[in-house]
C-alpha atoms as a PDB file:
ATOM      1  CA  MET A   1      40.519  70.589 118.620  1.00  0.00           C
ATOM      2  CA  ARG A   2      37.036  73.324 117.410  1.00  0.00           C
ATOM      3  CA  ALA A   3      38.502  75.649 119.671  1.00  0.00           C
ATOM      4  CA  ILE A   4      42.410  74.968 118.707  1.00  0.00           C
ATOM      5  CA  LEU A   5      41.241  75.084 114.796  1.00  0.00           C
ATOM      6  CA  LEU A   6      39.763  78.756 115.431  1.00  0.00           C
ATOM      7  CA  THR A   7      42.816  80.079 117.169  1.00  0.00           C
ATOM      8  CA  GLY A   8      44.778  78.636 114.797  1.00  0.00           C
ATOM      9  CA  PHE A   9      43.230  81.240 112.280  1.00  0.00           C
ATOM     10  CA  ALA A  10      44.019  83.929 114.293  1.00  0.00           C
ATOM     11  CA  ALA A  11      47.390  82.958 114.068  1.00  0.00           C
ATOM     12  CA  LEU A  12      47.424  83.017 110.419  1.00  0.00           C
ATOM     13  CA  SER A  13      45.306  86.182 110.725  1.00  0.00           C
ATOM     14  CA  THR A  14      48.056  87.606 113.169  1.00  0.00           C
ATOM     15  CA  LEU A  15      50.952  86.757 110.039  1.00  0.00           C
ATOM     16  CA  PHE A  16      48.307  88.184 107.142  1.00  0.00           C
ATOM     17  CA  GLY A  17      48.056  91.688 109.399  1.00  0.00           C
ATOM     18  CA  GLY A  18      52.049  91.308 109.272  1.00  0.00           C
ATOM     19  CA  TRP A  19      51.966  91.106 105.573  1.00  0.00           C
ATOM     20  CA  LEU A  20      49.479  93.778 104.927  1.00  0.00           C
ATOM     21  CA  ALA A  21      51.820  96.449 106.941  1.00  0.00           C
ATOM     22  CA  LEU A  22      55.054  95.101 105.483  1.00  0.00           C
ATOM     23  CA  ARG A  23      53.248  95.228 101.875  1.00  0.00           C
ATOM     24  CA  ALA A  24      49.462  97.925 101.599  1.00  0.00           C
ATOM     25  CA  ARG A  25      50.462 100.471 104.283  1.00  0.00           C
ATOM     26  CA  LYS A  26      47.928 103.152 102.160  1.00  0.00           C
ATOM     27  CA  HIS A  27      45.117 101.580 103.445  1.00  0.00           C
ATOM     28  CA  ILE A  28      45.704 100.459 107.263  1.00  0.00           C
ATOM     29  CA  HIS A  29      43.229 103.133 108.238  1.00  0.00           C
ATOM     30  CA  LEU A  30      40.609 101.793 106.458  1.00  0.00           C
ATOM     31  CA  LEU A  31      41.212  98.331 108.051  1.00  0.00           C
ATOM     32  CA  LEU A  32      41.766  99.652 111.646  1.00  0.00           C
ATOM     33  CA  GLY A  33      38.170 101.453 111.126  1.00  0.00           C
ATOM     34  CA  PHE A  34      36.486  98.363 109.895  1.00  0.00           C
ATOM     35  CA  GLY A  35      38.154  96.149 113.001  1.00  0.00           C
ATOM     36  CA  ALA A  36      37.034  98.923 115.196  1.00  0.00           C
ATOM     37  CA  GLY A  37      33.512  98.284 113.953  1.00  0.00           C
ATOM     38  CA  VAL A  38      33.853  93.942 114.563  1.00  0.00           C
ATOM     39  CA  LEU A  39      35.027  94.402 117.832  1.00  0.00           C
ATOM     40  CA  LEU A  40      32.269  96.943 119.098  1.00  0.00           C
ATOM     41  CA  GLY A  41      29.506  94.652 117.282  1.00  0.00           C
ATOM     42  CA  ALA A  42      30.837  91.484 118.455  1.00  0.00           C
ATOM     43  CA  THR A  43      30.665  92.434 122.114  1.00  0.00           C
ATOM     44  CA  PHE A  44      27.204  94.282 122.072  1.00  0.00           C
ATOM     45  CA  PHE A  45      25.348  91.703 119.616  1.00  0.00           C
ATOM     46  CA  ASP A  46      26.799  88.763 121.310  1.00  0.00           C
ATOM     47  CA  LEU A  47      29.684  88.377 123.332  1.00  0.00           C
ATOM     48  CA  LEU A  48      28.186  90.040 126.178  1.00  0.00           C
ATOM     49  CA  PRO A  49      24.754  88.391 125.667  1.00  0.00           C
ATOM     50  CA  GLU A  50      25.777  84.759 125.896  1.00  0.00           C
ATOM     51  CA  ALA A  51      28.071  85.643 128.384  1.00  0.00           C
ATOM     52  CA  ILE A  52      25.605  87.002 131.138  1.00  0.00           C
ATOM     53  CA  GLU A  53      23.146  84.273 129.777  1.00  0.00           C
ATOM     54  CA  ALA A  54      26.457  81.774 130.635  1.00  0.00           C
ATOM     55  CA  ALA A  55      26.979  83.283 133.664  1.00  0.00           C
ATOM     56  CA  GLY A  56      23.175  83.084 135.684  1.00  0.00           C
ATOM     57  CA  GLN A  57      23.542  78.993 135.229  1.00  0.00           C
ATOM     58  CA  GLY A  58      26.437  79.736 138.047  1.00  0.00           C
ATOM     59  CA  GLY A  59      24.218  82.218 139.986  1.00  0.00           C
ATOM     60  CA  TRP A  60      26.069  85.724 138.811  1.00  0.00           C
ATOM     61  CA  THR A  61      24.420  88.386 138.018  1.00  0.00           C
ATOM     62  CA  SER A  62      24.572  90.892 134.830  1.00  0.00           C
ATOM     63  CA  ARG A  63      25.407  93.529 136.661  1.00  0.00           C
ATOM     64  CA  GLU A  64      28.587  91.560 138.233  1.00  0.00           C
ATOM     65  CA  ILE A  65      29.500  90.744 134.602  1.00  0.00           C
ATOM     66  CA  LEU A  66      29.003  93.926 133.652  1.00  0.00           C
ATOM     67  CA  ALA A  67      31.117  95.301 136.579  1.00  0.00           C
ATOM     68  CA  LEU A  68      34.133  92.945 135.224  1.00  0.00           C
ATOM     69  CA  THR A  69      33.879  94.378 131.341  1.00  0.00           C
ATOM     70  CA  VAL A  70      34.911  98.193 133.820  1.00  0.00           C
ATOM     71  CA  VAL A  71      37.338  95.815 134.812  1.00  0.00           C
ATOM     72  CA  GLY A  72      38.768  94.290 131.860  1.00  0.00           C
ATOM     73  CA  PHE A  73      38.546  97.998 130.098  1.00  0.00           C
ATOM     74  CA  LEU A  74      40.245  99.818 132.809  1.00  0.00           C
ATOM     75  CA  ILE A  75      43.027  96.575 133.270  1.00  0.00           C
ATOM     76  CA  PHE A  76      44.188  97.255 129.467  1.00  0.00           C
ATOM     77  CA  TYR A  77      43.724 101.566 129.684  1.00  0.00           C
ATOM     78  CA  ILE A  78      45.810 101.658 132.544  1.00  0.00           C
ATOM     79  CA  GLY A  79      48.483  98.789 131.192  1.00  0.00           C
ATOM     80  CA  GLN A  80      48.621 100.658 128.263  1.00  0.00           C
ATOM     81  CA  ARG A  81      48.809 104.385 130.130  1.00  0.00           C
ATOM     82  CA  PHE A  82      52.050 102.634 132.596  1.00  0.00           C
ATOM     83  CA  LEU A  83      54.176 101.436 129.223  1.00  0.00           C
ATOM     84  CA  ALA A  84      53.313 104.692 127.675  1.00  0.00           C
ATOM     85  CA  LEU A  85      54.695 106.355 130.894  1.00  0.00           C
ATOM     86  CA  GLN A  86      57.430 104.057 131.541  1.00  0.00           C
ATOM     87  CA  HIS A  87      58.946 104.457 128.103  1.00  0.00           C
ATOM     88  CA  CYS A  88      57.792 108.148 126.968  1.00  0.00           C
ATOM     89  CA  PRO A  89      57.593 109.976 130.347  1.00  0.00           C
ATOM     90  CA  HIS A  90      56.987 113.590 128.401  1.00  0.00           C
ATOM     91  CA  ASN A  91      55.279 111.819 125.167  1.00  0.00           C
ATOM     92  CA  ASP A  92      58.935 112.945 123.280  1.00  0.00           C
ATOM     93  CA  CYS A  93      59.499 109.194 121.800  1.00  0.00           C
ATOM     94  CA  GLY A  94      61.348 109.315 118.710  1.00  0.00           C
ATOM     95  CA  PRO A  95      61.095 106.580 116.512  1.00  0.00           C
ATOM     96  CA  ASP A  96      63.039 103.681 119.019  1.00  0.00           C
ATOM     97  CA  ARG A  97      62.712 100.504 117.694  1.00  0.00           C
ATOM     98  CA  HIS A  98      63.561  99.448 121.154  1.00  0.00           C
ATOM     99  CA  VAL A  99      60.841 100.983 122.558  1.00  0.00           C
ATOM    100  CA  GLY A 100      58.860  99.993 120.131  1.00  0.00           C
ATOM    101  CA  ARG A 101      59.904  95.876 120.820  1.00  0.00           C
ATOM    102  CA  MET A 102      59.120  96.364 124.008  1.00  0.00           C
ATOM    103  CA  SER A 103      54.941  98.081 123.450  1.00  0.00           C
ATOM    104  CA  ALA A 104      55.414  94.728 120.884  1.00  0.00           C
ATOM    105  CA  LEU A 105      55.569  92.226 124.537  1.00  0.00           C
ATOM    106  CA  GLY A 106      52.311  93.721 125.527  1.00  0.00           C
ATOM    107  CA  LEU A 107      50.909  93.084 122.190  1.00  0.00           C
ATOM    108  CA  ILE A 108      51.964  89.206 122.288  1.00  0.00           C
ATOM    109  CA  ALA A 109      50.725  88.979 125.897  1.00  0.00           C
ATOM    110  CA  HIS A 110      46.845  90.273 124.762  1.00  0.00           C
ATOM    111  CA  SER A 111      47.375  87.876 121.852  1.00  0.00           C
ATOM    112  CA  SER A 112      47.551  85.346 124.499  1.00  0.00           C
ATOM    113  CA  ILE A 113      44.638  86.448 126.058  1.00  0.00           C
ATOM    114  CA  ASP A 114      42.703  86.603 122.101  1.00  0.00           C
ATOM    115  CA  GLY A 115      42.994  82.914 122.543  1.00  0.00           C
ATOM    116  CA  ALA A 116      42.043  82.280 125.994  1.00  0.00           C
ATOM    117  CA  SER A 117      38.680  84.151 125.007  1.00  0.00           C
ATOM    118  CA  ILE A 118      37.757  81.614 121.949  1.00  0.00           C
ATOM    119  CA  ALA A 119      38.493  78.423 123.554  1.00  0.00           C
ATOM    120  CA  ALA A 120      36.293  79.857 126.421  1.00  0.00           C
ATOM    121  CA  SER A 121      33.816  80.975 124.203  1.00  0.00           C
ATOM    122  CA  THR A 122      34.016  77.827 122.293  1.00  0.00           C
ATOM    123  CA  MET A 123      33.098  75.364 125.621  1.00  0.00           C
ATOM    124  CA  ILE A 124      30.232  77.363 126.264  1.00  0.00           C
ATOM    125  CA  SER A 125      29.203  77.138 122.347  1.00  0.00           C
ATOM    126  CA  TRP A 126      30.227  76.497 119.286  1.00  0.00           C
ATOM    127  CA  ARG A 127      27.937  79.278 117.899  1.00  0.00           C
ATOM    128  CA  MET A 128      28.966  81.788 120.471  1.00  0.00           C
ATOM    129  CA  GLY A 129      32.763  80.660 119.839  1.00  0.00           C
ATOM    130  CA  LEU A 130      32.786  81.152 116.113  1.00  0.00           C
ATOM    131  CA  ILE A 131      31.233  84.817 116.529  1.00  0.00           C
ATOM    132  CA  VAL A 132      34.224  86.088 119.213  1.00  0.00           C
ATOM    133  CA  ALA A 133      36.534  84.107 116.764  1.00  0.00           C
ATOM    134  CA  VAL A 134      35.155  85.813 113.666  1.00  0.00           C
ATOM    135  CA  GLY A 135      35.683  89.118 116.276  1.00  0.00           C
ATOM    136  CA  ILE A 136      39.431  88.596 117.227  1.00  0.00           C
ATOM    137  CA  ILE A 137      40.555  87.025 113.746  1.00  0.00           C
ATOM    138  CA  VAL A 138      39.272  90.632 112.260  1.00  0.00           C
ATOM    139  CA  HIS A 139      41.441  92.279 115.237  1.00  0.00           C
ATOM    140  CA  ASP A 140      44.112  89.739 115.178  1.00  0.00           C
ATOM    141  CA  ILE A 141      45.206  91.098 111.614  1.00  0.00           C
ATOM    142  CA  THR A 142      45.478  94.450 113.088  1.00  0.00           C
ATOM    143  CA  ASP A 143      48.154  92.798 115.854  1.00  0.00           C
ATOM    144  CA  GLY A 144      50.178  91.771 113.136  1.00  0.00           C
ATOM    145  CA  LEU A 145      49.342  95.173 111.765  1.00  0.00           C
ATOM    146  CA  ASN A 146      50.961  96.909 114.618  1.00  0.00           C
ATOM    147  CA  THR A 147      53.330  94.613 115.919  1.00  0.00           C
ATOM    148  CA  ILE A 148      54.866  95.006 112.027  1.00  0.00           C
ATOM    149  CA  LEU A 149      55.026  98.430 112.746  1.00  0.00           C
ATOM    150  CA  LEU A 150      56.067  99.066 116.293  1.00  0.00           C
ATOM    151  CA  VAL A 151      58.953  96.531 115.753  1.00  0.00           C
ATOM    152  CA  THR A 152      60.257  98.793 112.361  1.00  0.00           C
ATOM    153  CA  ARG A 153      59.061 101.847 113.459  1.00  0.00           C
ATOM    154  CA  GLU A 154      57.597 101.927 109.814  1.00  0.00           C
ATOM    155  CA  GLY A 155      60.974 101.263 108.279  1.00  0.00           C
ATOM    156  CA  SER A 156      62.352  98.107 106.406  1.00  0.00           C
ATOM    157  CA  ALA A 157      61.901  94.875 108.702  1.00  0.00           C
ATOM    158  CA  SER A 158      64.643  92.519 110.086  1.00  0.00           C
ATOM    159  CA  ARG A 159      64.326  88.632 110.902  1.00  0.00           C
ATOM    160  CA  LYS A 160      64.736  90.496 114.943  1.00  0.00           C
ATOM    161  CA  ASP A 161      61.115  92.159 113.607  1.00  0.00           C
ATOM    162  CA  LEU A 162      59.505  89.254 112.115  1.00  0.00           C
ATOM    163  CA  VAL A 163      60.505  87.080 115.309  1.00  0.00           C
ATOM    164  CA  PHE A 164      57.908  89.297 117.150  1.00  0.00           C
ATOM    165  CA  LEU A 165      55.199  89.056 114.420  1.00  0.00           C
ATOM    166  CA  VAL A 166      55.296  84.818 114.755  1.00  0.00           C
ATOM    167  CA  ALA A 167      55.539  85.351 118.342  1.00  0.00           C
ATOM    168  CA  ASP A 168      51.921  87.365 118.439  1.00  0.00           C
ATOM    169  CA  ALA A 169      50.555  84.984 116.145  1.00  0.00           C
ATOM    170  CA  ILE A 170      51.858  81.524 118.096  1.00  0.00           C
ATOM    171  CA  ALA A 171      50.062  83.684 120.957  1.00  0.00           C
ATOM    172  CA  PRO A 172      46.639  82.965 120.668  1.00  0.00           C
ATOM    173  CA  ILE A 173      47.034  78.909 120.048  1.00  0.00           C
ATOM    174  CA  VAL A 174      48.932  78.883 123.198  1.00  0.00           C
ATOM    175  CA  GLY A 175      46.093  80.827 125.306  1.00  0.00           C
ATOM    176  CA  GLY A 176      43.784  78.600 124.315  1.00  0.00           C
ATOM    177  CA  ILE A 177      45.352  75.799 124.622  1.00  0.00           C
ATOM    178  CA  VAL A 178      45.921  76.023 128.828  1.00  0.00           C
ATOM    179  CA  VAL A 179      41.997  77.480 128.647  1.00  0.00           C
ATOM    180  CA  VAL A 180      40.940  73.820 127.186  1.00  0.00           C
ATOM    181  CA  LEU A 181      43.526  72.139 129.221  1.00  0.00           C
ATOM    182  CA  SER A 182      41.993  73.858 132.619  1.00  0.00           C
ATOM    183  CA  ALA A 183      38.599  72.634 131.765  1.00  0.00           C
ATOM    184  CA  LEU A 184      36.990  75.198 133.247  1.00  0.00           C
ATOM    185  CA  PRO A 185      33.150  75.263 133.578  1.00  0.00           C
ATOM    186  CA  SER A 186      30.711  77.505 131.846  1.00  0.00           C
ATOM    187  CA  HIS A 187      29.955  80.376 134.567  1.00  0.00           C
ATOM    188  CA  HIS A 188      33.338  80.406 135.420  1.00  0.00           C
ATOM    189  CA  LEU A 189      34.373  81.286 131.274  1.00  0.00           C
ATOM    190  CA  ALA A 190      31.819  83.684 131.320  1.00  0.00           C
ATOM    191  CA  LEU A 191      33.893  85.358 133.667  1.00  0.00           C
ATOM    192  CA  ILE A 192      37.144  85.789 131.698  1.00  0.00           C
ATOM    193  CA  LEU A 193      34.416  86.691 128.428  1.00  0.00           C
ATOM    194  CA  GLY A 194      33.332  89.563 131.067  1.00  0.00           C
ATOM    195  CA  VAL A 195      36.655  90.577 130.979  1.00  0.00           C
ATOM    196  CA  THR A 196      37.278  89.896 127.255  1.00  0.00           C
ATOM    197  CA  SER A 197      34.491  92.858 126.461  1.00  0.00           C
ATOM    198  CA  GLY A 198      36.356  95.294 128.330  1.00  0.00           C
ATOM    199  CA  PHE A 199      39.176  94.718 126.449  1.00  0.00           C
ATOM    200  CA  PHE A 200      37.250  94.476 122.749  1.00  0.00           C
ATOM    201  CA  LEU A 201      35.723  97.809 123.520  1.00  0.00           C
ATOM    202  CA  PHE A 202      39.246  99.451 124.741  1.00  0.00           C
ATOM    203  CA  THR A 203      40.881  98.411 121.650  1.00  0.00           C
ATOM    204  CA  ALA A 204      38.397  99.729 119.674  1.00  0.00           C
ATOM    205  CA  THR A 205      37.519 103.071 121.618  1.00  0.00           C
ATOM    206  CA  GLY A 206      40.987 103.766 123.027  1.00  0.00           C
ATOM    207  CA  ASP A 207      43.542 102.047 120.460  1.00  0.00           C
ATOM    208  CA  LEU A 208      42.183 101.211 116.746  1.00  0.00           C
ATOM    209  CA  LEU A 209      39.634 104.113 116.029  1.00  0.00           C
ATOM    210  CA  PRO A 210      42.074 106.983 117.252  1.00  0.00           C
ATOM    211  CA  ASP A 211      45.102 105.165 115.479  1.00  0.00           C
ATOM    212  CA  ALA A 212      42.773 105.052 112.123  1.00  0.00           C
ATOM    213  CA  HIS A 213      41.720 108.664 112.325  1.00  0.00           C
ATOM    214  CA  ARG A 214      45.368 109.987 113.042  1.00  0.00           C
ATOM    215  CA  ARG A 215      46.431 108.907 109.809  1.00  0.00           C
ATOM    216  CA  SER A 216      43.112 110.049 108.185  1.00  0.00           C
ATOM    217  CA  PRO A 217      41.218 112.198 109.233  1.00  0.00           C
ATOM    218  CA  GLY A 218      38.157 112.270 106.615  1.00  0.00           C
ATOM    219  CA  PHE A 219      35.100 109.931 106.616  1.00  0.00           C
ATOM    220  CA  GLY A 220      36.310 106.777 105.159  1.00  0.00           C
ATOM    221  CA  VAL A 221      37.649 105.265 108.704  1.00  0.00           C
ATOM    222  CA  SER A 222      34.063 106.060 110.150  1.00  0.00           C
ATOM    223  CA  ALA A 223      32.576 103.984 107.501  1.00  0.00           C
ATOM    224  CA  ALA A 224      34.856 101.617 108.062  1.00  0.00           C
ATOM    225  CA  ALA A 225      33.829 100.991 111.158  1.00  0.00           C
ATOM    226  CA  LEU A 226      30.157 100.856 110.423  1.00  0.00           C
ATOM    227  CA  GLY A 227      31.132  98.282 108.329  1.00  0.00           C
ATOM    228  CA  GLY A 228      32.722  96.426 110.768  1.00  0.00           C
ATOM    229  CA  VAL A 229      29.925  97.148 113.417  1.00  0.00           C
ATOM    230  CA  LEU A 230      26.895  95.912 110.286  1.00  0.00           C
ATOM    231  CA  PHE A 231      29.329  93.151 109.171  1.00  0.00           C
ATOM    232  CA  ILE A 232      29.427  91.245 112.852  1.00  0.00           C
ATOM    233  CA  GLY A 233      25.810  92.386 112.881  1.00  0.00           C
ATOM    234  CA  ILE A 234      24.749  90.337 110.236  1.00  0.00           C
ATOM    235  CA  ALA A 235      26.999  87.278 110.851  1.00  0.00           C
ATOM    236  CA  VAL A 236      25.507  86.763 114.580  1.00  0.00           C
ATOM    237  CA  ARG A 237      21.589  86.348 112.729  1.00  0.00           C
ATOM    238  CA  LEU A 238      23.402  84.155 110.184  1.00  0.00           C
ATOM    239  CA  ALA A 239      24.699  82.224 113.257  1.00  0.00           C
ATOM    240  CA  SER A 240      22.038  82.358 115.427  1.00  0.00           C
ATOM    241  CA  ILE A 241      19.907  80.865 112.563  1.00  0.00           C
ATOM    242  CA  SER A 242      22.531  77.999 111.461  1.00  0.00           C
ATOM    243  CA  PHE A 243      23.432  77.120 115.027  1.00  0.00           C
END
């Protein structure tokens, strides 16, 4: 129930991000930078250390977990490039809503992985689940934001566009339920978290930060990213004391 509760917060975060995309576009670059910092901090301060520790119970080494991190990074990198080449082979895509909706389906798919990651970490320990959830909840604000930007192409939103946002919000809950019902042992859950670490790294460095700097080349994005790293670092420290 804790895992599903946390995925529910991720769903609300996605809806909030969609609302921001419609109401507060002027400061989106700062939100993207902060989200990138949160993901980087969550990966190195909590997710990878805990995944390596949990995997050791099943005889997996730290090298193998880090290899899965690389695999996760490459999966999402290659997947993004494949979608880009399919829809924009010459990088000349205009503001086509059909292309944007196809890309939004990819966001919905990885939102289900977000929910699976929250559930997997929560089943290892409540503290770890909370930290991973914080990282994903902050990141899912940008998911909702990006979903609206993709399907509307920065125009006005239709009812069909809002359906994509709702689907993206529900996806983490579905992913979490699947993991909870599968009842995997902790060392197997750690493998999921290894791949998730790669996803976090790619999302922060290959998606959020480039998008943020494209929107605003100033120092504000860098400051927001640093703030995100510090925020999650403090959160991890406080959680370790409390739990």
